[in-house]
PDB file of all heavy atoms in Angstrom:
ATOM      1  N   LEU A   1      11.066  22.628 -16.439  1.00  0.00           N
ATOM      2  CA  LEU A   1      11.094  24.067 -16.826  1.00  0.00           C
ATOM      3  C   LEU A   1       9.665  24.622 -16.932  1.00  0.00           C
ATOM      4  O   LEU A   1       9.451  25.787 -16.539  1.00  0.00           O
ATOM      5  CB  LEU A   1      11.801  24.257 -18.183  1.00  0.00           C
ATOM      6  CG  LEU A   1      11.841  25.619 -18.783  1.00  0.00           C
ATOM      7  CD1 LEU A   1      12.609  26.597 -17.879  1.00  0.00           C
ATOM      8  CD2 LEU A   1      12.487  25.572 -20.173  1.00  0.00           C
ATOM      9  N   HIS A   2       8.734  23.830 -17.413  1.00  0.00           N
ATOM     10  CA  HIS A   2       7.359  24.384 -17.550  1.00  0.00           C
ATOM     11  C   HIS A   2       6.654  24.682 -16.185  1.00  0.00           C
ATOM     12  O   HIS A   2       5.849  25.480 -16.113  1.00  0.00           O
ATOM     13  CB  HIS A   2       6.464  23.473 -18.396  1.00  0.00           C
ATOM     14  CG  HIS A   2       6.502  22.068 -18.046  1.00  0.00           C
ATOM     15  ND1 HIS A   2       7.466  21.132 -18.459  1.00  0.00           N
ATOM     16  CD2 HIS A   2       5.652  21.354 -17.228  1.00  0.00           C
ATOM     17  CE1 HIS A   2       7.200  19.960 -17.980  1.00  0.00           C
ATOM     18  NE2 HIS A   2       6.162  20.054 -17.188  1.00  0.00           N
ATOM     19  N   LEU A   3       7.152  23.973 -15.173  1.00  0.00           N
ATOM     20  CA  LEU A   3       6.653  24.301 -13.818  1.00  0.00           C
ATOM     21  C   LEU A   3       7.136  25.650 -13.332  1.00  0.00           C
ATOM     22  O   LEU A   3       6.379  26.457 -12.826  1.00  0.00           O
ATOM     23  CB  LEU A   3       6.978  23.182 -12.813  1.00  0.00           C
ATOM     24  CG  LEU A   3       6.655  23.449 -11.353  1.00  0.00           C
ATOM     25  CD1 LEU A   3       5.164  23.683 -11.167  1.00  0.00           C
ATOM     26  CD2 LEU A   3       7.116  22.263 -10.491  1.00  0.00           C
ATOM     27  N   ARG A   4       8.403  25.882 -13.536  1.00  0.00           N
ATOM     28  CA  ARG A   4       8.986  27.196 -13.113  1.00  0.00           C
ATOM     29  C   ARG A   4       8.418  28.332 -13.963  1.00  0.00           C
ATOM     30  O   ARG A   4       8.180  29.405 -13.392  1.00  0.00           O
ATOM     31  CB  ARG A   4      10.513  27.151 -13.295  1.00  0.00           C
ATOM     32  CG  ARG A   4      11.194  26.128 -12.452  1.00  0.00           C
ATOM     33  CD  ARG A   4      12.699  26.387 -12.281  1.00  0.00           C
ATOM     34  NE  ARG A   4      13.337  26.466 -13.603  1.00  0.00           N
ATOM     35  CZ  ARG A   4      13.912  25.477 -14.213  1.00  0.00           C
ATOM     36  NH1 ARG A   4      13.869  24.249 -13.683  1.00  0.00           N
ATOM     37  NH2 ARG A   4      14.518  25.640 -15.384  1.00  0.00           N
ATOM     38  N   GLU A   5       8.159  28.102 -15.211  1.00  0.00           N
ATOM     39  CA  GLU A   5       7.580  29.143 -16.109  1.00  0.00           C
ATOM     40  C   GLU A   5       6.165  29.499 -15.643  1.00  0.00           C
ATOM     41  O   GLU A   5       5.789  30.686 -15.556  1.00  0.00           O
ATOM     42  CB  GLU A   5       7.577  28.729 -17.574  1.00  0.00           C
ATOM     43  CG  GLU A   5       8.911  28.595 -18.198  1.00  0.00           C
ATOM     44  CD  GLU A   5       9.585  29.923 -18.400  1.00  0.00           C
ATOM     45  OE1 GLU A   5       8.901  30.892 -18.327  1.00  0.00           O
ATOM     46  OE2 GLU A   5      10.808  29.918 -18.656  1.00  0.00           O
ATOM     47  N   MET A   6       5.383  28.532 -15.258  1.00  0.00           N
ATOM     48  CA  MET A   6       3.950  28.758 -14.879  1.00  0.00           C
ATOM     49  C   MET A   6       3.982  29.476 -13.475  1.00  0.00           C
ATOM     50  O   MET A   6       3.226  30.438 -13.295  1.00  0.00           O
ATOM     51  CB  MET A   6       3.192  27.470 -14.751  1.00  0.00           C
ATOM     52  CG  MET A   6       1.782  27.600 -14.354  1.00  0.00           C
ATOM     53  SD  MET A   6       0.807  26.169 -14.460  1.00  0.00           S
ATOM     54  CE  MET A   6       0.676  26.027 -16.267  1.00  0.00           C
ATOM     55  N   LEU A   7       4.834  29.041 -12.591  1.00  0.00           N
ATOM     56  CA  LEU A   7       4.847  29.678 -11.256  1.00  0.00           C
ATOM     57  C   LEU A   7       5.391  31.109 -11.357  1.00  0.00           C
ATOM     58  O   LEU A   7       5.031  31.934 -10.507  1.00  0.00           O
ATOM     59  CB  LEU A   7       5.677  28.884 -10.328  1.00  0.00           C
ATOM     60  CG  LEU A   7       5.165  27.459  -9.914  1.00  0.00           C
ATOM     61  CD1 LEU A   7       6.124  26.764  -9.057  1.00  0.00           C
ATOM     62  CD2 LEU A   7       3.806  27.644  -9.240  1.00  0.00           C
ATOM     63  N   SER A   8       6.213  31.387 -12.304  1.00  0.00           N
ATOM     64  CA  SER A   8       6.722  32.791 -12.412  1.00  0.00           C
ATOM     65  C   SER A   8       5.612  33.802 -12.782  1.00  0.00           C
ATOM     66  O   SER A   8       5.749  35.007 -12.511  1.00  0.00           O
ATOM     67  CB  SER A   8       7.798  32.862 -13.575  1.00  0.00           C
ATOM     68  OG  SER A   8       7.201  32.593 -14.834  1.00  0.00           O
ATOM     69  N   GLN A   9       4.511  33.351 -13.279  1.00  0.00           N
ATOM     70  CA  GLN A   9       3.344  34.223 -13.582  1.00  0.00           C
ATOM     71  C   GLN A   9       2.731  34.727 -12.298  1.00  0.00           C
ATOM     72  O   GLN A   9       2.003  35.768 -12.277  1.00  0.00           O
ATOM     73  CB  GLN A   9       2.315  33.520 -14.375  1.00  0.00           C
ATOM     74  CG  GLN A   9       2.830  32.931 -15.704  1.00  0.00           C
ATOM     75  CD  GLN A   9       1.765  32.114 -16.397  1.00  0.00           C
ATOM     76  OE1 GLN A   9       0.605  32.261 -16.162  1.00  0.00           O
ATOM     77  NE2 GLN A   9       2.190  31.265 -17.343  1.00  0.00           N
ATOM     78  N   PHE A  10       2.908  34.021 -11.196  1.00  0.00           N
ATOM     79  CA  PHE A  10       2.273  34.360  -9.924  1.00  0.00           C
ATOM     80  C   PHE A  10       3.264  34.876  -8.875  1.00  0.00           C
ATOM     81  O   PHE A  10       3.029  34.783  -7.657  1.00  0.00           O
ATOM     82  CB  PHE A  10       1.495  33.101  -9.387  1.00  0.00           C
ATOM     83  CG  PHE A  10       0.491  32.573 -10.306  1.00  0.00           C
ATOM     84  CD1 PHE A  10       0.833  31.600 -11.212  1.00  0.00           C
ATOM     85  CD2 PHE A  10      -0.783  33.066 -10.297  1.00  0.00           C
ATOM     86  CE1 PHE A  10      -0.104  31.045 -12.024  1.00  0.00           C
ATOM     87  CE2 PHE A  10      -1.734  32.549 -11.233  1.00  0.00           C
ATOM     88  CZ  PHE A  10      -1.416  31.525 -12.057  1.00  0.00           C
ATOM     89  N   SER A  11       4.383  35.373  -9.372  1.00  0.00           N
ATOM     90  CA  SER A  11       5.429  35.858  -8.380  1.00  0.00           C
ATOM     91  C   SER A  11       4.973  37.031  -7.608  1.00  0.00           C
ATOM     92  O   SER A  11       5.465  37.255  -6.472  1.00  0.00           O
ATOM     93  CB  SER A  11       6.702  36.224  -9.202  1.00  0.00           C
ATOM     94  OG  SER A  11       6.443  37.216 -10.152  1.00  0.00           O
ATOM     95  N   GLN A  12       4.022  37.846  -8.078  1.00  0.00           N
ATOM     96  CA  GLN A  12       3.582  39.010  -7.362  1.00  0.00           C
ATOM     97  C   GLN A  12       2.276  38.771  -6.610  1.00  0.00           C
ATOM     98  O   GLN A  12       1.713  39.702  -6.012  1.00  0.00           O
ATOM     99  CB  GLN A  12       3.304  40.160  -8.398  1.00  0.00           C
ATOM    100  CG  GLN A  12       4.486  40.480  -9.248  1.00  0.00           C
ATOM    101  CD  GLN A  12       5.666  40.983  -8.433  1.00  0.00           C
ATOM    102  OE1 GLN A  12       5.540  41.672  -7.392  1.00  0.00           O
ATOM    103  NE2 GLN A  12       6.894  40.564  -8.922  1.00  0.00           N
ATOM    104  N   ARG A  13       1.835  37.541  -6.569  1.00  0.00           N
ATOM    105  CA  ARG A  13       0.598  37.277  -5.842  1.00  0.00           C
ATOM    106  C   ARG A  13       0.745  36.001  -4.946  1.00  0.00           C
ATOM    107  O   ARG A  13       1.426  35.053  -5.310  1.00  0.00           O
ATOM    108  CB  ARG A  13      -0.508  36.950  -6.869  1.00  0.00           C
ATOM    109  CG  ARG A  13      -1.899  36.720  -6.207  1.00  0.00           C
ATOM    110  CD  ARG A  13      -3.013  36.842  -7.258  1.00  0.00           C
ATOM    111  NE  ARG A  13      -3.023  35.814  -8.186  1.00  0.00           N
ATOM    112  CZ  ARG A  13      -3.655  34.628  -8.035  1.00  0.00           C
ATOM    113  NH1 ARG A  13      -4.283  34.380  -6.886  1.00  0.00           N
ATOM    114  NH2 ARG A  13      -3.679  33.719  -8.996  1.00  0.00           N
ATOM    115  N   LYS A  14       0.223  36.056  -3.768  1.00  0.00           N
ATOM    116  CA  LYS A  14       0.320  34.957  -2.834  1.00  0.00           C
ATOM    117  C   LYS A  14      -0.711  33.925  -3.178  1.00  0.00           C
ATOM    118  O   LYS A  14      -1.925  34.216  -3.316  1.00  0.00           O
ATOM    119  CB  LYS A  14       0.115  35.483  -1.409  1.00  0.00           C
ATOM    120  CG  LYS A  14       0.398  34.426  -0.390  1.00  0.00           C
ATOM    121  CD  LYS A  14       0.264  35.040   1.047  1.00  0.00           C
ATOM    122  CE  LYS A  14       0.480  33.911   2.119  1.00  0.00           C
ATOM    123  NZ  LYS A  14       0.334  34.455   3.476  1.00  0.00           N
ATOM    124  N   LEU A  15      -0.242  32.679  -3.306  1.00  0.00           N
ATOM    125  CA  LEU A  15      -1.129  31.592  -3.657  1.00  0.00           C
ATOM    126  C   LEU A  15      -1.406  30.674  -2.496  1.00  0.00           C
ATOM    127  O   LEU A  15      -0.487  30.387  -1.706  1.00  0.00           O
ATOM    128  CB  LEU A  15      -0.466  30.760  -4.819  1.00  0.00           C
ATOM    129  CG  LEU A  15      -0.202  31.458  -6.101  1.00  0.00           C
ATOM    130  CD1 LEU A  15       0.543  30.523  -7.032  1.00  0.00           C
ATOM    131  CD2 LEU A  15      -1.500  31.952  -6.758  1.00  0.00           C
ATOM    132  N   SER A  16      -2.644  30.232  -2.310  1.00  0.00           N
ATOM    133  CA  SER A  16      -2.950  29.332  -1.312  1.00  0.00           C
ATOM    134  C   SER A  16      -2.511  27.949  -1.641  1.00  0.00           C
ATOM    135  O   SER A  16      -2.150  27.611  -2.839  1.00  0.00           O
ATOM    136  CB  SER A  16      -4.499  29.312  -1.035  1.00  0.00           C
ATOM    137  OG  SER A  16      -5.171  28.862  -2.231  1.00  0.00           O
ATOM    138  N   ALA A  17      -2.490  27.033  -0.738  1.00  0.00           N
ATOM    139  CA  ALA A  17      -2.072  25.644  -0.976  1.00  0.00           C
ATOM    140  C   ALA A  17      -2.998  24.988  -2.016  1.00  0.00           C
ATOM    141  O   ALA A  17      -2.634  24.181  -2.816  1.00  0.00           O
ATOM    142  CB  ALA A  17      -2.021  24.822   0.312  1.00  0.00           C
ATOM    143  N   ALA A  18      -4.335  25.285  -1.832  1.00  0.00           N
ATOM    144  CA  ALA A  18      -5.333  24.708  -2.761  1.00  0.00           C
ATOM    145  C   ALA A  18      -5.093  25.217  -4.165  1.00  0.00           C
ATOM    146  O   ALA A  18      -5.201  24.376  -5.156  1.00  0.00           O
ATOM    147  CB  ALA A  18      -6.743  25.040  -2.322  1.00  0.00           C
ATOM    148  N   GLU A  19      -4.774  26.488  -4.362  1.00  0.00           N
ATOM    149  CA  GLU A  19      -4.583  27.037  -5.690  1.00  0.00           C
ATOM    150  C   GLU A  19      -3.248  26.472  -6.298  1.00  0.00           C
ATOM    151  O   GLU A  19      -3.205  26.196  -7.540  1.00  0.00           O
ATOM    152  CB  GLU A  19      -4.529  28.559  -5.687  1.00  0.00           C
ATOM    153  CG  GLU A  19      -4.605  29.174  -7.067  1.00  0.00           C
ATOM    154  CD  GLU A  19      -4.890  30.655  -7.043  1.00  0.00           C
ATOM    155  OE1 GLU A  19      -5.022  31.227  -5.879  1.00  0.00           O
ATOM    156  OE2 GLU A  19      -5.019  31.268  -8.063  1.00  0.00           O
ATOM    157  N   LEU A  20      -2.293  26.264  -5.434  1.00  0.00           N
ATOM    158  CA  LEU A  20      -1.025  25.684  -5.964  1.00  0.00           C
ATOM    159  C   LEU A  20      -1.285  24.227  -6.443  1.00  0.00           C
ATOM    160  O   LEU A  20      -0.730  23.840  -7.499  1.00  0.00           O
ATOM    161  CB  LEU A  20       0.029  25.646  -4.831  1.00  0.00           C
ATOM    162  CG  LEU A  20       0.719  26.955  -4.576  1.00  0.00           C
ATOM    163  CD1 LEU A  20       1.603  26.883  -3.331  1.00  0.00           C
ATOM    164  CD2 LEU A  20       1.556  27.422  -5.793  1.00  0.00           C
ATOM    165  N   LEU A  21      -2.105  23.529  -5.735  1.00  0.00           N
ATOM    166  CA  LEU A  21      -2.430  22.188  -6.153  1.00  0.00           C
ATOM    167  C   LEU A  21      -3.215  22.206  -7.426  1.00  0.00           C
ATOM    168  O   LEU A  21      -3.058  21.353  -8.309  1.00  0.00           O
ATOM    169  CB  LEU A  21      -3.225  21.453  -5.061  1.00  0.00           C
ATOM    170  CG  LEU A  21      -3.578  19.953  -5.301  1.00  0.00           C
ATOM    171  CD1 LEU A  21      -2.326  19.142  -5.584  1.00  0.00           C
ATOM    172  CD2 LEU A  21      -4.353  19.378  -4.107  1.00  0.00           C
ATOM    173  N   MET A  22      -4.065  23.188  -7.629  1.00  0.00           N
ATOM    174  CA  MET A  22      -4.831  23.326  -8.887  1.00  0.00           C
ATOM    175  C   MET A  22      -3.874  23.529 -10.050  1.00  0.00           C
ATOM    176  O   MET A  22      -4.050  22.991 -11.128  1.00  0.00           O
ATOM    177  CB  MET A  22      -5.848  24.493  -8.779  1.00  0.00           C
ATOM    178  CG  MET A  22      -6.655  24.741  -9.977  1.00  0.00           C
ATOM    179  SD  MET A  22      -7.674  23.293 -10.353  1.00  0.00           S
ATOM    180  CE  MET A  22      -8.321  23.781 -12.008  1.00  0.00           C
ATOM    181  N   LEU A  23      -2.825  24.291  -9.886  1.00  0.00           N
ATOM    182  CA  LEU A  23      -1.852  24.533 -10.925  1.00  0.00           C
ATOM    183  C   LEU A  23      -1.073  23.247 -11.255  1.00  0.00           C
ATOM    184  O   LEU A  23      -0.818  22.987 -12.396  1.00  0.00           O
ATOM    185  CB  LEU A  23      -0.874  25.643 -10.497  1.00  0.00           C
ATOM    186  CG  LEU A  23      -1.453  27.057 -10.341  1.00  0.00           C
ATOM    187  CD1 LEU A  23      -0.415  28.056  -9.845  1.00  0.00           C
ATOM    188  CD2 LEU A  23      -2.009  27.548 -11.721  1.00  0.00           C
ATOM    189  N   LEU A  24      -0.790  22.492 -10.194  1.00  0.00           N
ATOM    190  CA  LEU A  24      -0.132  21.189 -10.494  1.00  0.00           C
ATOM    191  C   LEU A  24      -1.048  20.273 -11.302  1.00  0.00           C
ATOM    192  O   LEU A  24      -0.553  19.537 -12.191  1.00  0.00           O
ATOM    193  CB  LEU A  24       0.257  20.549  -9.160  1.00  0.00           C
ATOM    194  CG  LEU A  24       1.368  21.238  -8.337  1.00  0.00           C
ATOM    195  CD1 LEU A  24       1.606  20.487  -7.003  1.00  0.00           C
ATOM    196  CD2 LEU A  24       2.681  21.331  -9.110  1.00  0.00           C
ATOM    197  N   ILE A  25      -2.359  20.286 -10.971  1.00  0.00           N
ATOM    198  CA  ILE A  25      -3.291  19.463 -11.732  1.00  0.00           C
ATOM    199  C   ILE A  25      -3.321  19.859 -13.195  1.00  0.00           C
ATOM    200  O   ILE A  25      -3.284  19.029 -14.088  1.00  0.00           O
ATOM    201  CB  ILE A  25      -4.668  19.538 -11.098  1.00  0.00           C
ATOM    202  CG1 ILE A  25      -4.667  18.936  -9.691  1.00  0.00           C
ATOM    203  CG2 ILE A  25      -5.751  18.905 -11.966  1.00  0.00           C
ATOM    204  CD1 ILE A  25      -5.961  19.224  -8.921  1.00  0.00           C
ATOM    205  N   TYR A  26      -3.270  21.191 -13.410  1.00  0.00           N
ATOM    206  CA  TYR A  26      -3.304  21.633 -14.825  1.00  0.00           C
ATOM    207  C   TYR A  26      -1.983  21.247 -15.523  1.00  0.00           C
ATOM    208  O   TYR A  26      -1.983  20.923 -16.741  1.00  0.00           O
ATOM    209  CB  TYR A  26      -3.460  23.131 -14.872  1.00  0.00           C
ATOM    210  CG  TYR A  26      -3.478  23.681 -16.307  1.00  0.00           C
ATOM    211  CD1 TYR A  26      -4.340  23.188 -17.262  1.00  0.00           C
ATOM    212  CD2 TYR A  26      -2.580  24.695 -16.665  1.00  0.00           C
ATOM    213  CE1 TYR A  26      -4.328  23.669 -18.558  1.00  0.00           C
ATOM    214  CE2 TYR A  26      -2.589  25.184 -17.976  1.00  0.00           C
ATOM    215  CZ  TYR A  26      -3.426  24.698 -18.891  1.00  0.00           C
ATOM    216  OH  TYR A  26      -3.428  25.123 -20.173  1.00  0.00           O
ATOM    217  N   LEU A  27      -0.862  21.218 -14.854  1.00  0.00           N
ATOM    218  CA  LEU A  27       0.388  20.831 -15.484  1.00  0.00           C
ATOM    219  C   LEU A  27       0.334  19.377 -15.866  1.00  0.00           C
ATOM    220  O   LEU A  27       0.798  18.964 -16.954  1.00  0.00           O
ATOM    221  CB  LEU A  27       1.531  21.040 -14.514  1.00  0.00           C
ATOM    222  CG  LEU A  27       2.106  22.465 -14.463  1.00  0.00           C
ATOM    223  CD1 LEU A  27       3.206  22.592 -13.436  1.00  0.00           C
ATOM    224  CD2 LEU A  27       2.610  22.935 -15.794  1.00  0.00           C
ATOM    225  N   VAL A  28      -0.248  18.512 -15.032  1.00  0.00           N
ATOM    226  CA  VAL A  28      -0.393  17.099 -15.386  1.00  0.00           C
ATOM    227  C   VAL A  28      -1.358  17.006 -16.595  1.00  0.00           C
ATOM    228  O   VAL A  28      -1.160  16.156 -17.482  1.00  0.00           O
ATOM    229  CB  VAL A  28      -0.915  16.303 -14.220  1.00  0.00           C
ATOM    230  CG1 VAL A  28      -1.128  14.805 -14.601  1.00  0.00           C
ATOM    231  CG2 VAL A  28       0.017  16.398 -13.016  1.00  0.00           C
ATOM    232  N   ALA A  29      -2.343  17.841 -16.655  1.00  0.00           N
ATOM    233  CA  ALA A  29      -3.289  17.809 -17.793  1.00  0.00           C
ATOM    234  C   ALA A  29      -2.501  18.197 -19.120  1.00  0.00           C
ATOM    235  O   ALA A  29      -2.711  17.541 -20.155  1.00  0.00           O
ATOM    236  CB  ALA A  29      -4.416  18.826 -17.579  1.00  0.00           C
ATOM    237  N   LEU A  30      -1.628  19.201 -19.016  1.00  0.00           N
ATOM    238  CA  LEU A  30      -0.816  19.540 -20.228  1.00  0.00           C
ATOM    239  C   LEU A  30       0.033  18.364 -20.634  1.00  0.00           C
ATOM    240  O   LEU A  30       0.175  18.100 -21.871  1.00  0.00           O
ATOM    241  CB  LEU A  30       0.068  20.746 -19.859  1.00  0.00           C
ATOM    242  CG  LEU A  30      -0.539  22.110 -19.754  1.00  0.00           C
ATOM    243  CD1 LEU A  30       0.486  23.147 -19.409  1.00  0.00           C
ATOM    244  CD2 LEU A  30      -1.268  22.539 -21.044  1.00  0.00           C
ATOM    245  N   GLU A  31       0.627  17.675 -19.715  1.00  0.00           N
ATOM    246  CA  GLU A  31       1.526  16.561 -20.048  1.00  0.00           C
ATOM    247  C   GLU A  31       0.710  15.370 -20.530  1.00  0.00           C
ATOM    248  O   GLU A  31       1.250  14.508 -21.182  1.00  0.00           O
ATOM    249  CB  GLU A  31       2.318  16.147 -18.776  1.00  0.00           C
ATOM    250  CG  GLU A  31       3.268  17.195 -18.273  1.00  0.00           C
ATOM    251  CD  GLU A  31       3.979  16.756 -17.026  1.00  0.00           C
ATOM    252  OE1 GLU A  31       3.672  15.723 -16.481  1.00  0.00           O
ATOM    253  OE2 GLU A  31       4.882  17.519 -16.593  1.00  0.00           O
ATOM    254  N   SER A  32      -0.600  15.360 -20.295  1.00  0.00           N
ATOM    255  CA  SER A  32      -1.458  14.247 -20.724  1.00  0.00           C
ATOM    256  C   SER A  32      -2.223  14.573 -22.003  1.00  0.00           C
ATOM    257  O   SER A  32      -3.089  13.793 -22.459  1.00  0.00           O
ATOM    258  CB  SER A  32      -2.515  13.967 -19.632  1.00  0.00           C
ATOM    259  OG  SER A  32      -1.847  13.634 -18.376  1.00  0.00           O
ATOM    260  N   GLY A  33      -1.887  15.640 -22.690  1.00  0.00           N
ATOM    261  CA  GLY A  33      -2.449  15.942 -24.002  1.00  0.00           C
ATOM    262  C   GLY A  33      -3.704  16.820 -23.926  1.00  0.00           C
ATOM    263  O   GLY A  33      -4.511  16.877 -24.872  1.00  0.00           O
ATOM    264  N   PHE A  34      -3.922  17.518 -22.790  1.00  0.00           N
ATOM    265  CA  PHE A  34      -5.039  18.460 -22.618  1.00  0.00           C
ATOM    266  C   PHE A  34      -4.487  19.874 -22.589  1.00  0.00           C
ATOM    267  O   PHE A  34      -3.349  20.156 -22.210  1.00  0.00           O
ATOM    268  CB  PHE A  34      -5.819  18.213 -21.388  1.00  0.00           C
ATOM    269  CG  PHE A  34      -6.606  16.867 -21.384  1.00  0.00           C
ATOM    270  CD1 PHE A  34      -5.965  15.696 -21.109  1.00  0.00           C
ATOM    271  CD2 PHE A  34      -7.938  16.876 -21.661  1.00  0.00           C
ATOM    272  CE1 PHE A  34      -6.669  14.461 -21.123  1.00  0.00           C
ATOM    273  CE2 PHE A  34      -8.637  15.625 -21.685  1.00  0.00           C
ATOM    274  CZ  PHE A  34      -7.971  14.503 -21.403  1.00  0.00           C
ATOM    275  N   VAL A  35      -5.368  20.866 -22.899  1.00  0.00           N
ATOM    276  CA  VAL A  35      -4.960  22.264 -22.774  1.00  0.00           C
ATOM    277  C   VAL A  35      -6.149  23.087 -22.479  1.00  0.00           C
ATOM    278  O   VAL A  35      -7.353  22.726 -22.850  1.00  0.00           O
ATOM    279  CB  VAL A  35      -4.295  22.716 -24.097  1.00  0.00           C
ATOM    280  CG1 VAL A  35      -5.264  22.560 -25.241  1.00  0.00           C
ATOM    281  CG2 VAL A  35      -3.853  24.214 -24.049  1.00  0.00           C
ATOM    282  N   GLU A  36      -5.982  24.176 -21.743  1.00  0.00           N
ATOM    283  CA  GLU A  36      -7.076  25.104 -21.397  1.00  0.00           C
ATOM    284  C   GLU A  36      -7.633  25.643 -22.718  1.00  0.00           C
ATOM    285  O   GLU A  36      -6.890  25.989 -23.608  1.00  0.00           O
ATOM    286  CB  GLU A  36      -6.610  26.155 -20.454  1.00  0.00           C
ATOM    287  CG  GLU A  36      -7.714  27.040 -19.906  1.00  0.00           C
ATOM    288  CD  GLU A  36      -8.028  28.222 -20.753  1.00  0.00           C
ATOM    289  OE1 GLU A  36      -7.107  28.721 -21.396  1.00  0.00           O
ATOM    290  OE2 GLU A  36      -9.284  28.547 -20.779  1.00  0.00           O
ATOM    291  N   ASN A  37      -8.949  25.700 -22.841  1.00  0.00           N
ATOM    292  CA  ASN A  37      -9.609  26.055 -24.135  1.00  0.00           C
ATOM    293  C   ASN A  37      -9.205  27.343 -24.697  1.00  0.00           C
ATOM    294  O   ASN A  37      -8.964  27.512 -25.898  1.00  0.00           O
ATOM    295  CB  ASN A  37     -11.131  25.965 -23.967  1.00  0.00           C
ATOM    296  CG  ASN A  37     -11.845  25.957 -25.281  1.00  0.00           C
ATOM    297  OD1 ASN A  37     -11.745  24.982 -26.104  1.00  0.00           O
ATOM    298  ND2 ASN A  37     -12.611  26.998 -25.558  1.00  0.00           N
ATOM    299  N   GLN A  38      -9.163  28.396 -23.889  1.00  0.00           N
ATOM    300  CA  GLN A  38      -8.768  29.726 -24.374  1.00  0.00           C
ATOM    301  C   GLN A  38      -7.314  29.766 -24.864  1.00  0.00           C
ATOM    302  O   GLN A  38      -7.024  30.383 -25.869  1.00  0.00           O
ATOM    303  CB  GLN A  38      -8.998  30.774 -23.302  1.00  0.00           C
ATOM    304  CG  GLN A  38      -8.799  32.243 -23.796  1.00  0.00           C
ATOM    305  CD  GLN A  38      -9.193  33.256 -22.799  1.00  0.00           C
ATOM    306  OE1 GLN A  38      -9.988  32.973 -21.894  1.00  0.00           O
ATOM    307  NE2 GLN A  38      -8.615  34.446 -22.931  1.00  0.00           N
ATOM    308  N   SER A  39      -6.446  29.084 -24.197  1.00  0.00           N
ATOM    309  CA  SER A  39      -5.018  28.967 -24.582  1.00  0.00           C
ATOM    310  C   SER A  39      -4.967  28.244 -25.904  1.00  0.00           C
ATOM    311  O   SER A  39      -4.072  28.580 -26.773  1.00  0.00           O
ATOM    312  CB  SER A  39      -4.194  28.292 -23.515  1.00  0.00           C
ATOM    313  OG  SER A  39      -4.216  28.986 -22.290  1.00  0.00           O
ATOM    314  N   TYR A  40      -5.784  27.217 -26.094  1.00  0.00           N
ATOM    315  CA  TYR A  40      -5.777  26.511 -27.350  1.00  0.00           C
ATOM    316  C   TYR A  40      -6.184  27.411 -28.535  1.00  0.00           C
ATOM    317  O   TYR A  40      -5.568  27.375 -29.567  1.00  0.00           O
ATOM    318  CB  TYR A  40      -6.734  25.310 -27.270  1.00  0.00           C
ATOM    319  CG  TYR A  40      -6.915  24.619 -28.600  1.00  0.00           C
ATOM    320  CD1 TYR A  40      -6.008  23.669 -29.092  1.00  0.00           C
ATOM    321  CD2 TYR A  40      -8.077  24.834 -29.324  1.00  0.00           C
ATOM    322  CE1 TYR A  40      -6.176  23.046 -30.290  1.00  0.00           C
ATOM    323  CE2 TYR A  40      -8.267  24.220 -30.511  1.00  0.00           C
ATOM    324  CZ  TYR A  40      -7.366  23.344 -31.025  1.00  0.00           C
ATOM    325  OH  TYR A  40      -7.527  22.700 -32.221  1.00  0.00           O
ATOM    326  N   LEU A  41      -7.238  28.207 -28.282  1.00  0.00           N
ATOM    327  CA  LEU A  41      -7.670  29.126 -29.402  1.00  0.00           C
ATOM    328  C   LEU A  41      -6.621  30.160 -29.714  1.00  0.00           C
ATOM    329  O   LEU A  41      -6.474  30.566 -30.891  1.00  0.00           O
ATOM    330  CB  LEU A  41      -8.986  29.844 -28.930  1.00  0.00           C
ATOM    331  CG  LEU A  41     -10.189  28.907 -28.740  1.00  0.00           C
ATOM    332  CD1 LEU A  41     -11.343  29.697 -28.178  1.00  0.00           C
ATOM    333  CD2 LEU A  41     -10.541  28.186 -30.009  1.00  0.00           C
ATOM    334  N   GLU A  42      -5.805  30.559 -28.751  1.00  0.00           N
ATOM    335  CA  GLU A  42      -4.792  31.579 -29.003  1.00  0.00           C
ATOM    336  C   GLU A  42      -3.583  31.006 -29.705  1.00  0.00           C
ATOM    337  O   GLU A  42      -2.902  31.688 -30.567  1.00  0.00           O
ATOM    338  CB  GLU A  42      -4.330  32.264 -27.642  1.00  0.00           C
ATOM    339  CG  GLU A  42      -5.417  33.030 -26.955  1.00  0.00           C
ATOM    340  CD  GLU A  42      -4.905  33.539 -25.607  1.00  0.00           C
ATOM    341  OE1 GLU A  42      -3.759  33.282 -25.216  1.00  0.00           O
ATOM    342  OE2 GLU A  42      -5.739  34.198 -24.937  1.00  0.00           O
ATOM    343  N   LYS A  43      -3.211  29.755 -29.438  1.00  0.00           N
ATOM    344  CA  LYS A  43      -1.990  29.199 -29.932  1.00  0.00           C
ATOM    345  C   LYS A  43      -2.114  27.946 -30.825  1.00  0.00           C
ATOM    346  O   LYS A  43      -1.157  27.286 -31.083  1.00  0.00           O
ATOM    347  CB  LYS A  43      -1.035  28.858 -28.747  1.00  0.00           C
ATOM    348  CG  LYS A  43      -0.622  30.052 -27.927  1.00  0.00           C
ATOM    349  CD  LYS A  43       0.292  30.930 -28.750  1.00  0.00           C
ATOM    350  CE  LYS A  43       0.742  32.094 -27.885  1.00  0.00           C
ATOM    351  NZ  LYS A  43       1.653  33.009 -28.610  1.00  0.00           N
ATOM    352  N   ARG A  44      -3.297  27.642 -31.284  1.00  0.00           N
ATOM    353  CA  ARG A  44      -3.532  26.426 -32.013  1.00  0.00           C
ATOM    354  C   ARG A  44      -2.707  26.370 -33.313  1.00  0.00           C
ATOM    355  O   ARG A  44      -2.329  25.222 -33.746  1.00  0.00           O
ATOM    356  CB  ARG A  44      -5.043  26.223 -32.256  1.00  0.00           C
ATOM    357  CG  ARG A  44      -5.682  27.279 -33.149  1.00  0.00           C
ATOM    358  CD  ARG A  44      -7.108  27.033 -33.335  1.00  0.00           C
ATOM    359  NE  ARG A  44      -7.787  28.072 -34.032  1.00  0.00           N
ATOM    360  CZ  ARG A  44      -9.118  28.124 -34.234  1.00  0.00           C
ATOM    361  NH1 ARG A  44      -9.876  27.097 -33.866  1.00  0.00           N
ATOM    362  NH2 ARG A  44      -9.702  29.148 -34.861  1.00  0.00           N
ATOM    363  N   ALA A  45      -2.396  27.510 -33.894  1.00  0.00           N
ATOM    364  CA  ALA A  45      -1.601  27.494 -35.150  1.00  0.00           C
ATOM    365  C   ALA A  45      -0.190  27.080 -34.854  1.00  0.00           C
ATOM    366  O   ALA A  45       0.561  26.607 -35.762  1.00  0.00           O
ATOM    367  CB  ALA A  45      -1.625  28.883 -35.764  1.00  0.00           C
TER     368      ALA A  45
END
């Protein structure tokens, strides 16, 4: 579900294959206990 949710943010923009792979890398990072720093500051509570 989290893959579909993330891709829905880019429904109005065409993504290159490299950028799609970058999103997949970030999803593996989320599953491994990492989070983007700005998102952490917004939702850490």
